[in-house]
Full PDB file with SEQRES, HELIX, SHEET, SSBOND, CRYST1, ORIGX, SCALE, CONECT and MASTER records, all heavy atoms in Angstrom:
SEQRES   1 A   42  GLU ARG PHE GLY ARG ILE ASP ALA LEU LEU ASN VAL ALA          
SEQRES   2 A   42  GLY GLY SER TYR SER ARG ASN PRO GLU MET PRO ALA VAL          
SEQRES   3 A   42  GLN ARG GLY THR LEU LEU GLU LEU SER PRO GLU ASP PHE          
SEQRES   4 A   42  MET GLY VAL                                                  
HELIX    1 AA1 PRO A   36  GLY A   41  1                                   6    
CRYST1    1.000    1.000    1.000  90.00  90.00  90.00 P 1           1          
ORIGX1      1.000000  0.000000  0.000000        0.00000                         
ORIGX2      0.000000  1.000000  0.000000        0.00000                         
ORIGX3      0.000000  0.000000  1.000000        0.00000                         
SCALE1      1.000000  0.000000  0.000000        0.00000                         
SCALE2      0.000000  1.000000  0.000000        0.00000                         
SCALE3      0.000000  0.000000  1.000000        0.00000                         
ATOM      1  N   GLU A   1     151.496  16.306 176.634  1.00  0.00           N  
ATOM      2  CA  GLU A   1     151.982  16.184 178.022  1.00  0.00           C  
ATOM      3  C   GLU A   1     153.008  14.964 178.186  1.00  0.00           C  
ATOM      4  O   GLU A   1     154.018  15.169 178.853  1.00  0.00           O  
ATOM      5  CB  GLU A   1     150.844  16.102 178.940  1.00  0.00           C  
ATOM      6  CG  GLU A   1     151.279  16.060 180.494  1.00  0.00           C  
ATOM      7  CD  GLU A   1     150.090  15.954 181.446  1.00  0.00           C  
ATOM      8  OE1 GLU A   1     148.907  16.081 180.965  1.00  0.00           O  
ATOM      9  OE2 GLU A   1     150.333  15.770 182.596  1.00  0.00           O  
ATOM     10  N   ARG A   2     152.692  13.910 177.542  1.00  0.00           N  
ATOM     11  CA  ARG A   2     153.537  12.663 177.737  1.00  0.00           C  
ATOM     12  C   ARG A   2     154.822  12.771 176.842  1.00  0.00           C  
ATOM     13  O   ARG A   2     155.908  12.490 177.264  1.00  0.00           O  
ATOM     14  CB  ARG A   2     152.743  11.487 177.324  1.00  0.00           C  
ATOM     15  CG  ARG A   2     153.541  10.202 177.260  1.00  0.00           C  
ATOM     16  CD  ARG A   2     154.142   9.772 178.638  1.00  0.00           C  
ATOM     17  NE  ARG A   2     155.006   8.623 178.513  1.00  0.00           N  
ATOM     18  CZ  ARG A   2     154.582   7.271 178.520  1.00  0.00           C  
ATOM     19  NH1 ARG A   2     153.205   7.119 178.647  1.00  0.00           N  
ATOM     20  NH2 ARG A   2     155.459   6.336 178.451  1.00  0.00           N  
ATOM     21  N   PHE A   3     154.633  13.199 175.603  1.00  0.00           N  
ATOM     22  CA  PHE A   3     155.785  13.071 174.628  1.00  0.00           C  
ATOM     23  C   PHE A   3     156.322  14.486 174.233  1.00  0.00           C  
ATOM     24  O   PHE A   3     157.446  14.538 173.638  1.00  0.00           O  
ATOM     25  CB  PHE A   3     155.303  12.373 173.441  1.00  0.00           C  
ATOM     26  CG  PHE A   3     154.892  10.949 173.673  1.00  0.00           C  
ATOM     27  CD1 PHE A   3     153.597  10.584 173.625  1.00  0.00           C  
ATOM     28  CD2 PHE A   3     155.818   9.986 174.033  1.00  0.00           C  
ATOM     29  CE1 PHE A   3     153.124   9.257 173.960  1.00  0.00           C  
ATOM     30  CE2 PHE A   3     155.372   8.659 174.246  1.00  0.00           C  
ATOM     31  CZ  PHE A   3     154.136   8.302 174.216  1.00  0.00           C  
ATOM     32  N   GLY A   4     155.621  15.581 174.432  1.00  0.00           N  
ATOM     33  CA  GLY A   4     156.039  16.845 174.110  1.00  0.00           C  
ATOM     34  C   GLY A   4     156.015  17.264 172.631  1.00  0.00           C  
ATOM     35  O   GLY A   4     156.365  18.369 172.264  1.00  0.00           O  
ATOM     36  N   ARG A   5     155.500  16.361 171.816  1.00  0.00           N  
ATOM     37  CA  ARG A   5     155.425  16.689 170.377  1.00  0.00           C  
ATOM     38  C   ARG A   5     154.455  15.737 169.717  1.00  0.00           C  
ATOM     39  O   ARG A   5     154.242  14.634 170.163  1.00  0.00           O  
ATOM     40  CB  ARG A   5     156.797  16.536 169.661  1.00  0.00           C  
ATOM     41  CG  ARG A   5     157.453  15.168 169.946  1.00  0.00           C  
ATOM     42  CD  ARG A   5     158.914  15.132 169.472  1.00  0.00           C  
ATOM     43  NE  ARG A   5     159.113  15.280 168.010  1.00  0.00           N  
ATOM     44  CZ  ARG A   5     160.288  15.416 167.451  1.00  0.00           C  
ATOM     45  NH1 ARG A   5     161.353  15.518 168.218  1.00  0.00           N  
ATOM     46  NH2 ARG A   5     160.396  15.548 166.173  1.00  0.00           N  
ATOM     47  N   ILE A   6     153.970  16.132 168.553  1.00  0.00           N  
ATOM     48  CA  ILE A   6     153.180  15.302 167.688  1.00  0.00           C  
ATOM     49  C   ILE A   6     153.691  15.485 166.271  1.00  0.00           C  
ATOM     50  O   ILE A   6     153.634  16.558 165.669  1.00  0.00           O  
ATOM     51  CB  ILE A   6     151.684  15.680 167.721  1.00  0.00           C  
ATOM     52  CG1 ILE A   6     151.122  15.483 169.138  1.00  0.00           C  
ATOM     53  CG2 ILE A   6     150.879  14.709 166.708  1.00  0.00           C  
ATOM     54  CD1 ILE A   6     149.741  15.998 169.343  1.00  0.00           C  
ATOM     55  N   ASP A   7     154.223  14.375 165.646  1.00  0.00           N  
ATOM     56  CA  ASP A   7     154.838  14.521 164.339  1.00  0.00           C  
ATOM     57  C   ASP A   7     153.966  13.966 163.230  1.00  0.00           C  
ATOM     58  O   ASP A   7     154.002  14.348 162.119  1.00  0.00           O  
ATOM     59  CB  ASP A   7     156.148  13.765 164.313  1.00  0.00           C  
ATOM     60  CG  ASP A   7     157.160  14.369 165.299  1.00  0.00           C  
ATOM     61  OD1 ASP A   7     157.821  15.383 164.931  1.00  0.00           O  
ATOM     62  OD2 ASP A   7     157.291  13.818 166.436  1.00  0.00           O  
ATOM     63  N   ALA A   8     153.112  12.975 163.663  1.00  0.00           N  
ATOM     64  CA  ALA A   8     152.252  12.303 162.679  1.00  0.00           C  
ATOM     65  C   ALA A   8     150.935  11.895 163.360  1.00  0.00           C  
ATOM     66  O   ALA A   8     150.833  11.630 164.497  1.00  0.00           O  
ATOM     67  CB  ALA A   8     152.921  11.046 162.105  1.00  0.00           C  
ATOM     68  N   LEU A   9     149.872  11.900 162.537  1.00  0.00           N  
ATOM     69  CA  LEU A   9     148.626  11.484 162.962  1.00  0.00           C  
ATOM     70  C   LEU A   9     148.072  10.528 161.931  1.00  0.00           C  
ATOM     71  O   LEU A   9     148.054  10.840 160.731  1.00  0.00           O  
ATOM     72  CB  LEU A   9     147.569  12.691 163.048  1.00  0.00           C  
ATOM     73  CG  LEU A   9     146.099  12.304 163.111  1.00  0.00           C  
ATOM     74  CD1 LEU A   9     145.837  11.595 164.469  1.00  0.00           C  
ATOM     75  CD2 LEU A   9     145.198  13.545 162.924  1.00  0.00           C  
ATOM     76  N   LEU A  10     147.665   9.361 162.415  1.00  0.00           N  
ATOM     77  CA  LEU A  10     147.070   8.366 161.527  1.00  0.00           C  
ATOM     78  C   LEU A  10     145.575   8.221 161.886  1.00  0.00           C  
ATOM     79  O   LEU A  10     145.209   7.723 162.982  1.00  0.00           O  
ATOM     80  CB  LEU A  10     147.714   6.939 161.623  1.00  0.00           C  
ATOM     81  CG  LEU A  10     149.258   6.957 161.667  1.00  0.00           C  
ATOM     82  CD1 LEU A  10     149.829   5.587 161.663  1.00  0.00           C  
ATOM     83  CD2 LEU A  10     149.808   7.749 160.426  1.00  0.00           C  
ATOM     84  N   ASN A  11     144.738   8.550 161.046  1.00  0.00           N  
ATOM     85  CA  ASN A  11     143.236   8.540 161.175  1.00  0.00           C  
ATOM     86  C   ASN A  11     142.793   7.154 160.658  1.00  0.00           C  
ATOM     87  O   ASN A  11     142.352   7.003 159.623  1.00  0.00           O  
ATOM     88  CB  ASN A  11     142.529   9.688 160.494  1.00  0.00           C  
ATOM     89  CG  ASN A  11     142.704  11.043 161.144  1.00  0.00           C  
ATOM     90  OD1 ASN A  11     142.504  11.109 162.376  1.00  0.00           O  
ATOM     91  ND2 ASN A  11     143.125  11.958 160.365  1.00  0.00           N  
ATOM     92  N   VAL A  12     142.937   6.194 161.525  1.00  0.00           N  
ATOM     93  CA  VAL A  12     142.565   4.739 161.205  1.00  0.00           C  
ATOM     94  C   VAL A  12     141.146   4.455 161.693  1.00  0.00           C  
ATOM     95  O   VAL A  12     140.482   3.663 161.113  1.00  0.00           O  
ATOM     96  CB  VAL A  12     143.579   3.739 161.804  1.00  0.00           C  
ATOM     97  CG1 VAL A  12     143.265   2.383 161.378  1.00  0.00           C  
ATOM     98  CG2 VAL A  12     144.989   4.140 161.347  1.00  0.00           C  
ATOM     99  N   ALA A  13     140.707   5.073 162.734  1.00  0.00           N  
ATOM    100  CA  ALA A  13     139.382   4.770 163.352  1.00  0.00           C  
ATOM    101  C   ALA A  13     138.311   4.878 162.235  1.00  0.00           C  
ATOM    102  O   ALA A  13     138.260   5.830 161.540  1.00  0.00           O  
ATOM    103  CB  ALA A  13     139.108   5.565 164.525  1.00  0.00           C  
ATOM    104  N   GLY A  14     137.387   3.899 162.208  1.00  0.00           N  
ATOM    105  CA  GLY A  14     136.317   3.901 161.302  1.00  0.00           C  
ATOM    106  C   GLY A  14     135.965   2.535 160.822  1.00  0.00           C  
ATOM    107  O   GLY A  14     136.377   1.480 161.387  1.00  0.00           O  
ATOM    108  N   GLY A  15     135.000   2.377 159.895  1.00  0.00           N  
ATOM    109  CA  GLY A  15     134.514   1.148 159.485  1.00  0.00           C  
ATOM    110  C   GLY A  15     133.289   1.250 158.644  1.00  0.00           C  
ATOM    111  O   GLY A  15     132.752   2.320 158.443  1.00  0.00           O  
ATOM    112  N   SER A  16     132.898   0.138 158.111  1.00  0.00           N  
ATOM    113  CA  SER A  16     131.681   0.089 157.340  1.00  0.00           C  
ATOM    114  C   SER A  16     130.401   0.183 158.182  1.00  0.00           C  
ATOM    115  O   SER A  16     129.410   0.704 157.802  1.00  0.00           O  
ATOM    116  CB  SER A  16     131.619  -1.271 156.441  1.00  0.00           C  
ATOM    117  OG  SER A  16     131.676  -2.338 157.234  1.00  0.00           O  
ATOM    118  N   TYR A  17     130.530  -0.417 159.315  1.00  0.00           N  
ATOM    119  CA  TYR A  17     129.619  -0.159 160.400  1.00  0.00           C  
ATOM    120  C   TYR A  17     130.433  -0.515 161.647  1.00  0.00           C  
ATOM    121  O   TYR A  17     131.359  -1.250 161.570  1.00  0.00           O  
ATOM    122  CB  TYR A  17     128.322  -0.913 160.352  1.00  0.00           C  
ATOM    123  CG  TYR A  17     128.431  -2.422 160.276  1.00  0.00           C  
ATOM    124  CD1 TYR A  17     128.163  -3.160 161.415  1.00  0.00           C  
ATOM    125  CD2 TYR A  17     128.806  -3.074 159.089  1.00  0.00           C  
ATOM    126  CE1 TYR A  17     128.302  -4.587 161.388  1.00  0.00           C  
ATOM    127  CE2 TYR A  17     128.984  -4.456 159.034  1.00  0.00           C  
ATOM    128  CZ  TYR A  17     128.677  -5.172 160.200  1.00  0.00           C  
ATOM    129  OH  TYR A  17     128.806  -6.510 160.098  1.00  0.00           O  
ATOM    130  N   SER A  18     130.051   0.004 162.783  1.00  0.00           N  
ATOM    131  CA  SER A  18     130.975  -0.163 163.845  1.00  0.00           C  
ATOM    132  C   SER A  18     131.131  -1.596 164.300  1.00  0.00           C  
ATOM    133  O   SER A  18     130.220  -2.320 164.544  1.00  0.00           O  
ATOM    134  CB  SER A  18     130.419   0.642 165.120  1.00  0.00           C  
ATOM    135  OG  SER A  18     131.341   0.565 166.184  1.00  0.00           O  
ATOM    136  N   ARG A  19     132.430  -2.070 164.385  1.00  0.00           N  
ATOM    137  CA  ARG A  19     132.768  -3.392 164.981  1.00  0.00           C  
ATOM    138  C   ARG A  19     132.974  -3.261 166.491  1.00  0.00           C  
ATOM    139  O   ARG A  19     133.282  -4.205 167.157  1.00  0.00           O  
ATOM    140  CB  ARG A  19     133.987  -3.879 164.281  1.00  0.00           C  
ATOM    141  CG  ARG A  19     134.000  -3.993 162.796  1.00  0.00           C  
ATOM    142  CD  ARG A  19     135.261  -4.420 162.267  1.00  0.00           C  
ATOM    143  NE  ARG A  19     135.343  -4.363 160.806  1.00  0.00           N  
ATOM    144  CZ  ARG A  19     136.305  -4.628 160.013  1.00  0.00           C  
ATOM    145  NH1 ARG A  19     137.452  -5.068 160.591  1.00  0.00           N  
ATOM    146  NH2 ARG A  19     136.285  -4.523 158.642  1.00  0.00           N  
ATOM    147  N   ASN A  20     132.719  -2.042 166.954  1.00  0.00           N  
ATOM    148  CA  ASN A  20     133.032  -1.820 168.364  1.00  0.00           C  
ATOM    149  C   ASN A  20     131.729  -1.363 169.112  1.00  0.00           C  
ATOM    150  O   ASN A  20     131.199  -0.312 168.793  1.00  0.00           O  
ATOM    151  CB  ASN A  20     134.104  -0.685 168.444  1.00  0.00           C  
ATOM    152  CG  ASN A  20     134.665  -0.417 169.766  1.00  0.00           C  
ATOM    153  OD1 ASN A  20     133.945  -0.626 170.762  1.00  0.00           O  
ATOM    154  ND2 ASN A  20     135.898   0.069 169.861  1.00  0.00           N  
ATOM    155  N   PRO A  21     131.365  -2.126 170.124  1.00  0.00           N  
ATOM    156  CA  PRO A  21     130.088  -1.772 170.827  1.00  0.00           C  
ATOM    157  C   PRO A  21     130.146  -0.458 171.547  1.00  0.00           C  
ATOM    158  O   PRO A  21     129.171   0.027 171.874  1.00  0.00           O  
ATOM    159  CB  PRO A  21     129.895  -2.956 171.835  1.00  0.00           C  
ATOM    160  CG  PRO A  21     131.337  -3.450 171.996  1.00  0.00           C  
ATOM    161  CD  PRO A  21     132.014  -3.314 170.656  1.00  0.00           C  
ATOM    162  N   GLU A  22     131.340   0.142 171.711  1.00  0.00           N  
ATOM    163  CA  GLU A  22     131.461   1.383 172.358  1.00  0.00           C  
ATOM    164  C   GLU A  22     131.441   2.543 171.383  1.00  0.00           C  
ATOM    165  O   GLU A  22     131.455   3.727 171.807  1.00  0.00           O  
ATOM    166  CB  GLU A  22     132.742   1.436 173.263  1.00  0.00           C  
ATOM    167  CG  GLU A  22     132.689   0.535 174.433  1.00  0.00           C  
ATOM    168  CD  GLU A  22     133.737   0.725 175.458  1.00  0.00           C  
ATOM    169  OE1 GLU A  22     134.106   1.887 175.597  1.00  0.00           O  
ATOM    170  OE2 GLU A  22     134.152  -0.193 176.051  1.00  0.00           O  
ATOM    171  N   MET A  23     131.436   2.338 170.135  1.00  0.00           N  
ATOM    172  CA  MET A  23     131.325   3.296 169.101  1.00  0.00           C  
ATOM    173  C   MET A  23     129.845   3.441 168.674  1.00  0.00           C  
ATOM    174  O   MET A  23     129.117   2.449 168.788  1.00  0.00           O  
ATOM    175  CB  MET A  23     132.204   3.055 167.933  1.00  0.00           C  
ATOM    176  CG  MET A  23     133.763   3.255 168.383  1.00  0.00           C  
ATOM    177  SD  MET A  23     134.151   4.978 168.692  1.00  0.00           S  
ATOM    178  CE  MET A  23     134.141   5.688 167.041  1.00  0.00           C  
ATOM    179  N   PRO A  24     129.498   4.516 167.990  1.00  0.00           N  
ATOM    180  CA  PRO A  24     128.054   4.714 167.480  1.00  0.00           C  
ATOM    181  C   PRO A  24     127.689   3.515 166.638  1.00  0.00           C  
ATOM    182  O   PRO A  24     128.457   3.082 165.688  1.00  0.00           O  
ATOM    183  CB  PRO A  24     128.159   5.991 166.695  1.00  0.00           C  
ATOM    184  CG  PRO A  24     129.223   6.759 167.288  1.00  0.00           C  
ATOM    185  CD  PRO A  24     130.258   5.731 167.673  1.00  0.00           C  
ATOM    186  N   ALA A  25     126.579   2.938 166.910  1.00  0.00           N  
ATOM    187  CA  ALA A  25     126.079   1.728 166.151  1.00  0.00           C  
ATOM    188  C   ALA A  25     125.217   2.237 164.968  1.00  0.00           C  
ATOM    189  O   ALA A  25     124.293   2.976 165.115  1.00  0.00           O  
ATOM    190  CB  ALA A  25     125.328   0.838 167.028  1.00  0.00           C  
ATOM    191  N   VAL A  26     125.545   1.763 163.796  1.00  0.00           N  
ATOM    192  CA  VAL A  26     124.763   2.031 162.608  1.00  0.00           C  
ATOM    193  C   VAL A  26     124.459   0.753 161.824  1.00  0.00           C  
ATOM    194  O   VAL A  26     125.284  -0.258 161.969  1.00  0.00           O  
ATOM    195  CB  VAL A  26     125.512   3.005 161.659  1.00  0.00           C  
ATOM    196  CG1 VAL A  26     125.713   4.357 162.330  1.00  0.00           C  
ATOM    197  CG2 VAL A  26     126.893   2.515 161.204  1.00  0.00           C  
ATOM    198  N   GLN A  27     123.447   0.810 161.157  1.00  0.00           N  
ATOM    199  CA  GLN A  27     123.093  -0.429 160.316  1.00  0.00           C  
ATOM    200  C   GLN A  27     123.488  -0.196 158.816  1.00  0.00           C  
ATOM    201  O   GLN A  27     123.477   0.888 158.301  1.00  0.00           O  
ATOM    202  CB  GLN A  27     121.530  -0.648 160.443  1.00  0.00           C  
ATOM    203  CG  GLN A  27     121.023  -0.835 161.823  1.00  0.00           C  
ATOM    204  CD  GLN A  27     121.676  -2.118 162.340  1.00  0.00           C  
ATOM    205  OE1 GLN A  27     121.696  -3.197 161.787  1.00  0.00           O  
ATOM    206  NE2 GLN A  27     122.073  -2.013 163.664  1.00  0.00           N  
ATOM    207  N   ARG A  28     123.731  -1.386 158.158  1.00  0.00           N  
ATOM    208  CA  ARG A  28     124.003  -1.263 156.776  1.00  0.00           C  
ATOM    209  C   ARG A  28     122.719  -1.675 156.046  1.00  0.00           C  
ATOM    210  O   ARG A  28     121.931  -2.378 156.550  1.00  0.00           O  
ATOM    211  CB  ARG A  28     125.138  -2.328 156.362  1.00  0.00           C  
ATOM    212  CG  ARG A  28     126.502  -1.873 156.901  1.00  0.00           C  
ATOM    213  CD  ARG A  28     127.606  -2.553 156.223  1.00  0.00           C  
ATOM    214  NE  ARG A  28     127.619  -3.984 156.430  1.00  0.00           N  
ATOM    215  CZ  ARG A  28     128.566  -4.772 155.966  1.00  0.00           C  
ATOM    216  NH1 ARG A  28     129.618  -4.333 155.339  1.00  0.00           N  
ATOM    217  NH2 ARG A  28     128.502  -6.136 156.109  1.00  0.00           N  
ATOM    218  N   GLY A  29     122.644  -1.273 154.763  1.00  0.00           N  
ATOM    219  CA  GLY A  29     121.533  -1.596 153.956  1.00  0.00           C  
ATOM    220  C   GLY A  29     121.553  -0.956 152.604  1.00  0.00           C  
ATOM    221  O   GLY A  29     122.491  -0.107 152.342  1.00  0.00           O  
ATOM    222  N   THR A  30     120.645  -1.189 151.755  1.00  0.00           N  
ATOM    223  CA  THR A  30     120.525  -0.458 150.492  1.00  0.00           C  
ATOM    224  C   THR A  30     120.159   0.972 150.770  1.00  0.00           C  
ATOM    225  O   THR A  30     119.603   1.283 151.918  1.00  0.00           O  
ATOM    226  CB  THR A  30     119.561  -1.171 149.553  1.00  0.00           C  
ATOM    227  OG1 THR A  30     118.260  -1.006 150.075  1.00  0.00           O  
ATOM    228  CG2 THR A  30     119.883  -2.631 149.311  1.00  0.00           C  
ATOM    229  N   LEU A  31     120.234   1.812 149.791  1.00  0.00           N  
ATOM    230  CA  LEU A  31     119.882   3.228 149.986  1.00  0.00           C  
ATOM    231  C   LEU A  31     118.397   3.340 150.415  1.00  0.00           C  
ATOM    232  O   LEU A  31     117.980   4.251 151.244  1.00  0.00           O  
ATOM    233  CB  LEU A  31     120.147   4.022 148.705  1.00  0.00           C  
ATOM    234  CG  LEU A  31     121.704   4.261 148.467  1.00  0.00           C  
ATOM    235  CD1 LEU A  31     121.849   4.921 147.090  1.00  0.00           C  
ATOM    236  CD2 LEU A  31     122.334   5.022 149.520  1.00  0.00           C  
ATOM    237  N   LEU A  32     117.514   2.537 149.821  1.00  0.00           N  
ATOM    238  CA  LEU A  32     116.129   2.671 150.230  1.00  0.00           C  
ATOM    239  C   LEU A  32     115.828   2.097 151.613  1.00  0.00           C  
ATOM    240  O   LEU A  32     114.780   2.526 152.216  1.00  0.00           O  
ATOM    241  CB  LEU A  32     115.275   1.913 149.192  1.00  0.00           C  
ATOM    242  CG  LEU A  32     115.154   2.556 147.761  1.00  0.00           C  
ATOM    243  CD1 LEU A  32     114.280   1.604 146.912  1.00  0.00           C  
ATOM    244  CD2 LEU A  32     114.514   3.946 147.869  1.00  0.00           C  
ATOM    245  N   GLU A  33     116.695   1.292 152.065  1.00  0.00           N  
ATOM    246  CA  GLU A  33     116.483   0.745 153.438  1.00  0.00           C  
ATOM    247  C   GLU A  33     117.142   1.557 154.539  1.00  0.00           C  
ATOM    248  O   GLU A  33     116.714   1.512 155.711  1.00  0.00           O  
ATOM    249  CB  GLU A  33     117.197  -0.685 153.515  1.00  0.00           C  
ATOM    250  CG  GLU A  33     116.510  -1.724 152.595  1.00  0.00           C  
ATOM    251  CD  GLU A  33     117.263  -2.946 152.515  1.00  0.00           C  
ATOM    252  OE1 GLU A  33     118.563  -2.910 152.677  1.00  0.00           O  
ATOM    253  OE2 GLU A  33     116.773  -4.029 152.184  1.00  0.00           O  
ATOM    254  N   LEU A  34     118.157   2.433 154.223  1.00  0.00           N  
ATOM    255  CA  LEU A  34     118.781   3.144 155.212  1.00  0.00           C  
ATOM    256  C   LEU A  34     118.040   4.346 155.789  1.00  0.00           C  
ATOM    257  O   LEU A  34     117.299   5.117 154.980  1.00  0.00           O  
ATOM    258  CB  LEU A  34     120.113   3.760 154.624  1.00  0.00           C  
ATOM    259  CG  LEU A  34     121.255   2.766 154.346  1.00  0.00           C  
ATOM    260  CD1 LEU A  34     122.349   3.472 153.634  1.00  0.00           C  
ATOM    261  CD2 LEU A  34     121.830   2.318 155.771  1.00  0.00           C  
ATOM    262  N   SER A  35     118.037   4.459 157.137  1.00  0.00           N  
ATOM    263  CA  SER A  35     117.524   5.685 157.702  1.00  0.00           C  
ATOM    264  C   SER A  35     118.467   6.797 157.594  1.00  0.00           C  
ATOM    265  O   SER A  35     119.710   6.587 157.361  1.00  0.00           O  
ATOM    266  CB  SER A  35     117.188   5.383 159.225  1.00  0.00           C  
ATOM    267  OG  SER A  35     118.485   5.245 159.918  1.00  0.00           O  
ATOM    268  N   PRO A  36     118.091   8.064 157.615  1.00  0.00           N  
ATOM    269  CA  PRO A  36     118.997   9.093 157.583  1.00  0.00           C  
ATOM    270  C   PRO A  36     120.009   9.077 158.717  1.00  0.00           C  
ATOM    271  O   PRO A  36     121.211   9.418 158.556  1.00  0.00           O  
ATOM    272  CB  PRO A  36     118.100  10.372 157.823  1.00  0.00           C  
ATOM    273  CG  PRO A  36     116.751   9.997 157.269  1.00  0.00           C  
ATOM    274  CD  PRO A  36     116.625   8.472 157.648  1.00  0.00           C  
ATOM    275  N   GLU A  37     119.525   8.539 159.947  1.00  0.00           N  
ATOM    276  CA  GLU A  37     120.468   8.465 161.002  1.00  0.00           C  
ATOM    277  C   GLU A  37     121.577   7.430 160.746  1.00  0.00           C  
ATOM    278  O   GLU A  37     122.767   7.681 161.061  1.00  0.00           O  
ATOM    279  CB  GLU A  37     119.810   7.967 162.326  1.00  0.00           C  
ATOM    280  CG  GLU A  37     118.736   9.115 162.830  1.00  0.00           C  
ATOM    281  CD  GLU A  37     117.456   9.203 162.028  1.00  0.00           C  
ATOM    282  OE1 GLU A  37     117.194   8.284 161.275  1.00  0.00           O  
ATOM    283  OE2 GLU A  37     116.797  10.210 162.139  1.00  0.00           O  
ATOM    284  N   ASP A  38     121.257   6.303 160.109  1.00  0.00           N  
ATOM    285  CA  ASP A  38     122.236   5.280 159.765  1.00  0.00           C  
ATOM    286  C   ASP A  38     123.137   5.781 158.715  1.00  0.00           C  
ATOM    287  O   ASP A  38     124.413   5.553 158.642  1.00  0.00           O  
ATOM    288  CB  ASP A  38     121.612   3.984 159.336  1.00  0.00           C  
ATOM    289  CG  ASP A  38     121.010   3.270 160.494  1.00  0.00           C  
ATOM    290  OD1 ASP A  38     121.583   3.349 161.604  1.00  0.00           O  
ATOM    291  OD2 ASP A  38     120.033   2.545 160.277  1.00  0.00           O  
ATOM    292  N   PHE A  39     122.625   6.467 157.670  1.00  0.00           N  
ATOM    293  CA  PHE A  39     123.404   7.010 156.614  1.00  0.00           C  
ATOM    294  C   PHE A  39     124.481   8.019 157.125  1.00  0.00           C  
ATOM    295  O   PHE A  39     125.602   7.933 156.811  1.00  0.00           O  
ATOM    296  CB  PHE A  39     122.565   7.732 155.553  1.00  0.00           C  
ATOM    297  CG  PHE A  39     123.317   8.117 154.308  1.00  0.00           C  
ATOM    298  CD1 PHE A  39     123.625   7.242 153.333  1.00  0.00           C  
ATOM    299  CD2 PHE A  39     123.723   9.397 154.191  1.00  0.00           C  
ATOM    300  CE1 PHE A  39     124.366   7.683 152.178  1.00  0.00           C  
ATOM    301  CE2 PHE A  39     124.432   9.900 153.061  1.00  0.00           C  
ATOM    302  CZ  PHE A  39     124.755   8.914 152.066  1.00  0.00           C  
ATOM    303  N   MET A  40     124.017   8.959 157.897  1.00  0.00           N  
ATOM    304  CA  MET A  40     124.896   9.990 158.478  1.00  0.00           C  
ATOM    305  C   MET A  40     125.814   9.447 159.515  1.00  0.00           C  
ATOM    306  O   MET A  40     126.975   9.917 159.781  1.00  0.00           O  
ATOM    307  CB  MET A  40     124.178  11.183 158.911  1.00  0.00           C  
ATOM    308  CG  MET A  40     123.407  11.852 157.861  1.00  0.00           C  
ATOM    309  SD  MET A  40     124.469  12.386 156.432  1.00  0.00           S  
ATOM    310  CE  MET A  40     125.678  13.385 157.191  1.00  0.00           C  
ATOM    311  N   GLY A  41     125.366   8.349 160.210  1.00  0.00           N  
ATOM    312  CA  GLY A  41     126.185   7.816 161.235  1.00  0.00           C  
ATOM    313  C   GLY A  41     127.536   7.236 160.737  1.00  0.00           C  
ATOM    314  O   GLY A  41     128.545   7.285 161.407  1.00  0.00           O  
ATOM    315  N   VAL A  42     127.523   6.703 159.504  1.00  0.00           N  
ATOM    316  CA  VAL A  42     128.719   6.203 158.937  1.00  0.00           C  
ATOM    317  C   VAL A  42     129.738   7.379 158.721  1.00  0.00           C  
ATOM    318  O   VAL A  42     130.925   7.269 158.804  1.00  0.00           O  
ATOM    319  CB  VAL A  42     128.417   5.504 157.575  1.00  0.00           C  
ATOM    320  CG1 VAL A  42     129.731   4.878 157.034  1.00  0.00           C  
ATOM    321  CG2 VAL A  42     127.511   4.386 157.870  1.00  0.00           C  
TER     322      VAL A  42                                                      
MASTER        0    0    0    1    0    0    0    6  321    1    0    4          
END                                                                             
């Protein structure tokens, strides 16, 4: 609506765990420490 075209998309959003309180919060840990929710949350 604003520009009439999209020529490129940069998928930059992401991280090792969210640095942003408004994005889904996940915990880091070793594989034995991770819950399925934290693993899939990443």
